[in-house]
Amino acid sequence: MSTGVVQTVRGPVTADALGVTLPHEHVFIDLLREYRAAGLLADEQLAIEELTRFREAGGGTLVDCTSEGLGRSPEALHRVSVATGVHIVMGSGHYRRPYLDEVIIDGLSVDALADTIVRDLTEGVGDTGIRAGIIGEIGCDRSISAVEERVFRAAARAHRRTGVTITTHAARWPVGEAQLDLLAEEGVDPGRVIIGHCDMVPDPAYHLRLARRGAWVQFDTIQGTHERDTRERIDWIGRLLDAGMGDRLLLSHDVCLTTDLAAYGGPGYAYLLAGFRPRLLTAGLSEAEVDRLMIDGPRRALTGEA
């Protein structure tokens, strides 16, 4: 039994109460700089309907990785959590270019940036009193820019002061290794780092290298839209399990566009439970193995349990 506690927007929750957990999602987000038509999730009633589907499918907790610059909405997250009964863990820190306010970031030292994250984690965002429970999503694209490096260092220092897990954006390029290197320079244990979007890098050797370093390998764009993508992800999961690295693997959807929502024909937040779980069982995974991926892994990633 876990003795850890996880901070949610409604307050601390014992880790054993989290249940099935989605470790990388967005309830509210503003991606209009890159996705004009579908890049805004801001409808509170729709969010309640979508998270209700997740709860009714058997879900318990969702990690909202919307960090500073992405339209984070603490009070709305709180209302959605109350309305649905889903535990929501809120993110903190700064995202990546072009969503960084470089004027603000360049006007603060790395330690001062870390102070803002620590405040979110220990006191709450602004004057809301609603506390974040994870550091991130922080990230970069093909490489880490100078301003993104400062964001990573600030996140690392906030982690060292609070012990809260860091979650990253590392899509399309195998930049997760460079992210781990930078965080390690700041004294962060790879076991407290979730490397995001690993399934957007179709390289099983990369996945295995991250896992062997002790980091969390997150396959978080599992949406069931294309059969080929689904088969690939099942194969990569099997490879990590065969290598004895299933305890370093996390699964999620990364819902971040209106087209990802069930109301618009997307997978919504329930696909992992309603669609992907049966596929894993058909592929030969046991119920216990799937539970470890969907319950035990996220709990350990959030709490730092071995």
Protein backbone atom coordinates (compact mmCIF):
# COMPACT_ATOMS: atom_id res chain seq x y z
CA MET A 1 0.00 0.00 0.00
CA SER A 2 1.27 3.46 -0.90
CA THR A 3 1.89 6.00 1.85
CA GLY A 4 2.41 8.88 -0.57
CA VAL A 5 0.26 11.96 -1.03
CA VAL A 6 -0.45 13.77 -4.29
CA GLN A 7 -1.54 17.39 -4.51
CA THR A 8 -4.70 17.94 -6.57
CA VAL A 9 -6.69 21.08 -7.27
CA ARG A 10 -9.09 20.07 -4.47
CA GLY A 11 -6.28 19.40 -2.03
CA PRO A 12 -3.95 16.53 -1.11
CA VAL A 13 -5.08 13.00 -1.95
CA THR A 14 -3.55 9.76 -0.74
CA ALA A 15 -1.83 7.98 -3.59
CA ASP A 16 -3.93 4.85 -3.11
CA ALA A 17 -7.05 6.89 -3.90
CA LEU A 18 -5.88 7.99 -7.36
CA GLY A 19 -7.09 4.92 -9.25
CA VAL A 20 -6.66 4.79 -13.02
CA THR A 21 -4.62 7.88 -13.84
CA LEU A 22 -3.99 9.73 -17.09
CA PRO A 23 -0.53 11.30 -16.59
CA HIS A 24 -0.56 13.70 -19.55
CA GLU A 25 -3.72 15.52 -20.60
CA HIS A 26 -5.12 19.03 -20.98
CA VAL A 27 -8.57 20.10 -19.80
CA PHE A 28 -8.14 23.77 -20.69
CA ILE A 29 -5.45 24.98 -23.11
CA ASP A 30 -4.72 27.71 -25.65
CA LEU A 31 -2.70 26.47 -28.63
CA LEU A 32 -4.04 29.05 -31.08
CA ARG A 33 -0.51 30.12 -32.02
CA GLU A 34 -0.10 26.80 -33.81
CA TYR A 35 -3.57 25.27 -34.20
CA ARG A 36 -5.99 27.96 -35.25
CA ALA A 37 -9.22 26.05 -35.67
CA ALA A 38 -8.95 23.41 -32.97
CA GLY A 39 -6.35 24.81 -30.58
CA LEU A 40 -8.56 26.21 -27.83
CA LEU A 41 -10.13 24.17 -25.03
CA ALA A 42 -12.07 26.66 -22.92
CA ASP A 43 -15.62 25.32 -22.59
CA GLU A 44 -16.17 24.39 -18.95
CA GLN A 45 -19.44 22.53 -19.47
CA LEU A 46 -17.91 20.51 -22.29
CA ALA A 47 -14.94 19.69 -20.07
CA ILE A 48 -17.33 18.37 -17.43
CA GLU A 49 -19.07 16.18 -19.98
CA GLU A 50 -15.77 14.81 -21.30
CA LEU A 51 -14.31 14.04 -17.87
CA THR A 52 -17.58 12.44 -16.83
CA ARG A 53 -17.05 9.94 -19.67
CA PHE A 54 -13.63 9.16 -18.19
CA ARG A 55 -15.03 8.69 -14.70
CA GLU A 56 -17.84 6.47 -15.96
CA ALA A 57 -15.31 4.32 -17.82
CA GLY A 58 -13.53 3.71 -14.51
CA GLY A 59 -11.09 6.62 -14.39
CA GLY A 60 -9.96 8.30 -11.20
CA THR A 61 -7.32 10.95 -11.82
CA LEU A 62 -6.10 13.20 -14.62
CA VAL A 63 -2.86 15.19 -14.74
CA ASP A 64 -3.47 18.50 -16.49
CA CYS A 65 -0.09 19.48 -17.94
CA THR A 66 -1.17 22.99 -18.95
CA SER A 67 1.65 25.16 -17.63
CA GLU A 68 2.26 28.92 -17.72
CA GLY A 69 1.63 30.44 -21.14
CA LEU A 70 -0.87 27.78 -22.21
CA GLY A 71 -4.03 29.17 -20.69
CA ARG A 72 -3.87 27.43 -17.32
CA SER A 73 -7.17 27.86 -15.44
CA PRO A 74 -6.88 26.80 -11.77
CA GLU A 75 -10.36 27.84 -10.65
CA ALA A 76 -12.05 26.25 -13.67
CA LEU A 77 -10.08 23.04 -13.05
CA HIS A 78 -11.31 23.08 -9.47
CA ARG A 79 -14.93 23.45 -10.57
CA VAL A 80 -14.60 20.64 -13.12
CA SER A 81 -13.03 18.37 -10.52
CA VAL A 82 -15.83 19.06 -8.06
CA ALA A 83 -18.50 18.51 -10.72
CA THR A 84 -17.09 15.21 -12.01
CA GLY A 85 -15.38 13.69 -9.00
CA VAL A 86 -12.20 13.23 -11.05
CA HIS A 87 -9.01 14.16 -9.20
CA ILE A 88 -7.06 16.73 -11.24
CA VAL A 89 -3.33 17.35 -10.73
CA MET A 90 -2.37 20.78 -12.10
CA GLY A 91 0.91 21.68 -13.78
CA SER A 92 3.34 24.51 -13.07
CA GLY A 93 6.35 26.10 -14.77
CA HIS A 94 6.73 27.31 -18.34
CA TYR A 95 6.13 25.43 -21.60
CA ARG A 96 8.36 26.01 -24.68
CA ARG A 97 8.88 28.46 -27.48
CA PRO A 98 6.76 30.08 -28.95
CA TYR A 99 4.64 30.04 -25.77
CA LEU A 100 7.28 31.51 -23.46
CA ASP A 101 7.03 35.13 -22.37
CA GLU A 102 10.72 35.76 -22.94
CA VAL A 103 10.53 39.31 -21.58
CA ILE A 104 9.35 38.00 -18.21
CA ILE A 105 11.69 35.01 -18.22
CA ASP A 106 14.74 37.07 -19.20
CA GLY A 107 13.89 39.55 -16.46
CA LEU A 108 14.22 36.90 -13.76
CA SER A 109 17.17 34.86 -12.59
CA VAL A 110 16.90 31.08 -12.77
CA ASP A 111 16.45 30.97 -9.01
CA ALA A 112 13.71 33.60 -9.18
CA LEU A 113 11.94 31.54 -11.86
CA ALA A 114 12.23 28.54 -9.56
CA ASP A 115 10.65 30.62 -6.79
CA THR A 116 7.53 31.16 -8.92
CA ILE A 117 7.17 27.40 -9.45
CA VAL A 118 7.72 26.64 -5.78
CA ARG A 119 5.04 29.18 -4.90
CA ASP A 120 2.56 27.43 -7.23
CA LEU A 121 3.36 24.12 -5.56
CA THR A 122 3.35 25.22 -1.94
CA GLU A 123 1.00 28.21 -1.73
CA GLY A 124 -1.12 28.18 -4.88
CA VAL A 125 -1.39 29.96 -8.20
CA GLY A 126 -1.82 33.71 -7.76
CA ASP A 127 -4.37 34.40 -5.05
CA THR A 128 -6.47 31.29 -5.78
CA GLY A 129 -4.93 29.09 -3.11
CA ILE A 130 -5.14 26.24 -5.64
CA ARG A 131 -1.85 24.36 -5.66
CA ALA A 132 -0.10 22.66 -8.54
CA GLY A 133 1.00 19.04 -8.10
CA ILE A 134 3.50 18.52 -10.93
CA ILE A 135 6.23 20.60 -12.60
CA GLY A 136 5.54 20.98 -16.31
CA GLU A 137 4.78 20.51 -19.02
CA ILE A 138 8.17 22.07 -19.83
CA GLY A 139 9.80 21.37 -23.16
CA CYS A 140 11.46 22.11 -26.44
CA ASP A 141 11.33 20.86 -29.99
CA ARG A 142 14.39 19.66 -31.91
CA SER A 143 16.88 21.15 -29.46
CA ILE A 144 16.90 23.13 -26.22
CA SER A 145 17.16 26.87 -26.83
CA ALA A 146 18.87 29.25 -24.41
CA VAL A 147 15.59 30.48 -22.92
CA GLU A 148 14.26 26.92 -22.68
CA GLU A 149 17.45 25.89 -20.90
CA ARG A 150 16.71 28.47 -18.20
CA VAL A 151 13.19 27.10 -17.86
CA PHE A 152 14.59 23.58 -17.41
CA ARG A 153 17.10 24.71 -14.81
CA ALA A 154 14.39 26.57 -12.90
CA ALA A 155 12.18 23.47 -12.98
CA ALA A 156 15.06 21.36 -11.70
CA ARG A 157 15.74 23.72 -8.82
CA ALA A 158 12.05 23.84 -7.92
CA HIS A 159 12.03 20.04 -7.94
CA ARG A 160 15.02 19.87 -5.62
CA ARG A 161 13.28 22.21 -3.19
CA THR A 162 9.91 20.44 -3.23
CA GLY A 163 10.46 16.88 -4.43
CA VAL A 164 7.70 17.26 -7.04
CA THR A 165 7.97 15.29 -10.30
CA ILE A 166 8.93 16.98 -13.60
CA THR A 167 7.09 16.21 -16.85
CA THR A 168 8.42 17.26 -20.27
CA HIS A 169 7.46 17.83 -23.89
CA ALA A 170 9.82 15.95 -26.24
CA ALA A 171 7.78 15.41 -29.40
CA ARG A 172 8.95 14.17 -32.81
CA TRP A 173 12.69 14.39 -32.05
CA PRO A 174 14.71 12.21 -29.61
CA VAL A 175 15.47 15.23 -27.45
CA GLY A 176 14.50 13.52 -24.20
CA GLU A 177 18.08 12.43 -23.65
CA ALA A 178 19.33 16.02 -23.83
CA GLN A 179 16.56 17.03 -21.44
CA LEU A 180 17.67 14.36 -18.98
CA ASP A 181 21.30 15.46 -19.32
CA LEU A 182 20.39 19.06 -18.50
CA LEU A 183 18.23 18.12 -15.53
CA ALA A 184 20.95 15.78 -14.28
CA GLU A 185 23.40 18.71 -14.32
CA GLU A 186 21.06 20.34 -11.81
CA GLY A 187 21.00 17.24 -9.62
CA VAL A 188 17.66 15.74 -10.65
CA ASP A 189 17.25 11.97 -10.38
CA PRO A 190 16.02 10.64 -13.78
CA GLY A 191 13.48 8.60 -11.85
CA ARG A 192 11.64 11.82 -11.06
CA VAL A 193 11.41 12.87 -14.72
CA ILE A 194 8.66 11.92 -17.17
CA ILE A 195 9.81 12.27 -20.78
CA GLY A 196 6.69 13.09 -22.76
CA HIS A 197 5.53 12.12 -26.25
CA CYS A 198 8.01 9.26 -26.59
CA ASP A 199 5.57 7.48 -28.88
CA MET A 200 5.93 10.35 -31.35
CA VAL A 201 9.54 9.23 -31.80
CA PRO A 202 9.28 5.87 -33.63
CA ASP A 203 12.54 4.47 -32.28
CA PRO A 204 12.30 1.59 -29.78
CA ALA A 205 16.04 1.92 -29.07
CA TYR A 206 15.45 5.51 -27.89
CA HIS A 207 12.60 4.37 -25.64
CA LEU A 208 14.84 1.71 -24.13
CA ARG A 209 17.75 4.09 -23.55
CA LEU A 210 15.51 6.46 -21.60
CA ALA A 211 14.05 3.62 -19.54
CA ARG A 212 17.49 2.21 -18.74
CA ARG A 213 18.53 5.63 -17.46
CA GLY A 214 15.64 5.36 -15.01
CA ALA A 215 13.37 7.98 -16.56
CA TRP A 216 9.66 7.53 -17.17
CA VAL A 217 8.95 6.75 -20.84
CA GLN A 218 5.57 8.22 -21.61
CA PHE A 219 3.51 7.02 -24.57
CA ASP A 220 0.93 9.78 -24.37
CA THR A 221 -0.57 10.18 -27.84
CA ILE A 222 -2.53 6.93 -27.69
CA GLN A 223 -5.77 7.87 -29.41
CA GLY A 224 -6.77 4.94 -31.61
CA THR A 225 -7.28 7.15 -34.65
CA HIS A 226 -5.16 5.05 -37.02
CA GLU A 227 -4.78 1.29 -36.75
CA ARG A 228 -1.11 1.42 -37.72
CA ASP A 229 -0.38 3.82 -34.85
CA THR A 230 -2.21 1.56 -32.43
CA ARG A 231 -0.30 -1.53 -33.53
CA GLU A 232 3.01 0.30 -33.28
CA ARG A 233 2.31 1.43 -29.74
CA ILE A 234 1.28 -2.07 -28.68
CA ASP A 235 4.52 -3.37 -30.18
CA TRP A 236 6.66 -0.76 -28.40
CA ILE A 237 4.93 -1.50 -25.10
CA GLY A 238 5.66 -5.19 -25.60
CA ARG A 239 9.31 -4.47 -26.33
CA LEU A 240 9.72 -2.51 -23.09
CA LEU A 241 7.92 -5.22 -21.12
CA ASP A 242 10.14 -7.91 -22.67
CA ALA A 243 13.20 -5.85 -21.70
CA GLY A 244 12.00 -5.73 -18.10
CA MET A 245 11.22 -2.00 -18.32
CA GLY A 246 7.46 -2.03 -17.89
CA ASP A 247 7.90 -0.27 -14.56
CA ARG A 248 9.22 2.82 -16.40
CA LEU A 249 6.26 3.18 -18.78
CA LEU A 250 3.26 5.53 -18.67
CA LEU A 251 0.24 5.77 -20.99
CA SER A 252 -2.02 8.72 -21.84
CA HIS A 253 -3.81 10.55 -24.68
CA ASP A 254 -2.55 14.17 -24.62
CA VAL A 255 -5.99 15.55 -25.37
CA CYS A 256 -5.25 19.14 -26.36
CA LEU A 257 -7.43 19.97 -29.40
CA THR A 258 -11.18 20.11 -29.83
CA THR A 259 -10.83 17.31 -32.39
CA ASP A 260 -9.44 15.10 -29.62
CA LEU A 261 -12.66 15.35 -27.64
CA ALA A 262 -15.31 12.64 -27.82
CA ALA A 263 -17.94 15.27 -28.60
CA TYR A 264 -16.10 16.01 -31.86
CA GLY A 265 -15.45 12.40 -32.80
CA GLY A 266 -12.08 12.05 -31.07
CA PRO A 267 -11.00 9.53 -28.44
CA GLY A 268 -11.69 11.80 -25.49
CA TYR A 269 -10.23 10.89 -22.11
CA ALA A 270 -11.81 7.43 -21.96
CA TYR A 271 -10.12 5.70 -24.91
CA LEU A 272 -7.31 4.13 -22.88
CA LEU A 273 -9.85 2.35 -20.71
CA ALA A 274 -12.59 1.70 -23.23
CA GLY A 275 -10.54 1.03 -26.35
CA PHE A 276 -6.85 0.50 -25.71
CA ARG A 277 -7.05 -1.65 -22.61
CA PRO A 278 -8.95 -4.42 -24.50
CA ARG A 279 -6.34 -4.25 -27.26
CA LEU A 280 -3.54 -4.77 -24.74
CA LEU A 281 -5.34 -7.75 -23.25
CA THR A 282 -5.89 -9.23 -26.70
CA ALA A 283 -2.18 -8.72 -27.40
CA GLY A 284 -1.36 -10.96 -24.43
CA LEU A 285 -0.90 -8.62 -21.50
CA SER A 286 -2.47 -9.77 -18.26
CA GLU A 287 -4.98 -7.76 -16.25
CA ALA A 288 -2.29 -7.24 -13.63
CA GLU A 289 0.18 -5.91 -16.20
CA VAL A 290 -2.36 -3.44 -17.56
CA ASP A 291 -3.24 -2.29 -14.05
CA ARG A 292 0.44 -1.70 -13.37
CA LEU A 293 0.60 0.54 -16.43
CA MET A 294 -2.58 2.49 -15.71
CA ILE A 295 -2.66 2.60 -11.90
CA ASP A 296 0.64 1.68 -10.29
CA GLY A 297 2.94 3.45 -12.76
CA PRO A 298 1.30 6.89 -12.59
CA ARG A 299 1.04 6.64 -8.80
CA ARG A 300 4.74 5.88 -8.50
CA ALA A 301 5.68 8.58 -11.02
CA LEU A 302 3.77 11.24 -9.09
CA THR A 303 4.94 10.21 -5.62
CA GLY A 304 8.50 9.13 -6.37
CA GLU A 305 7.96 5.63 -5.01
CA ALA A 306 10.62 3.12 -6.06
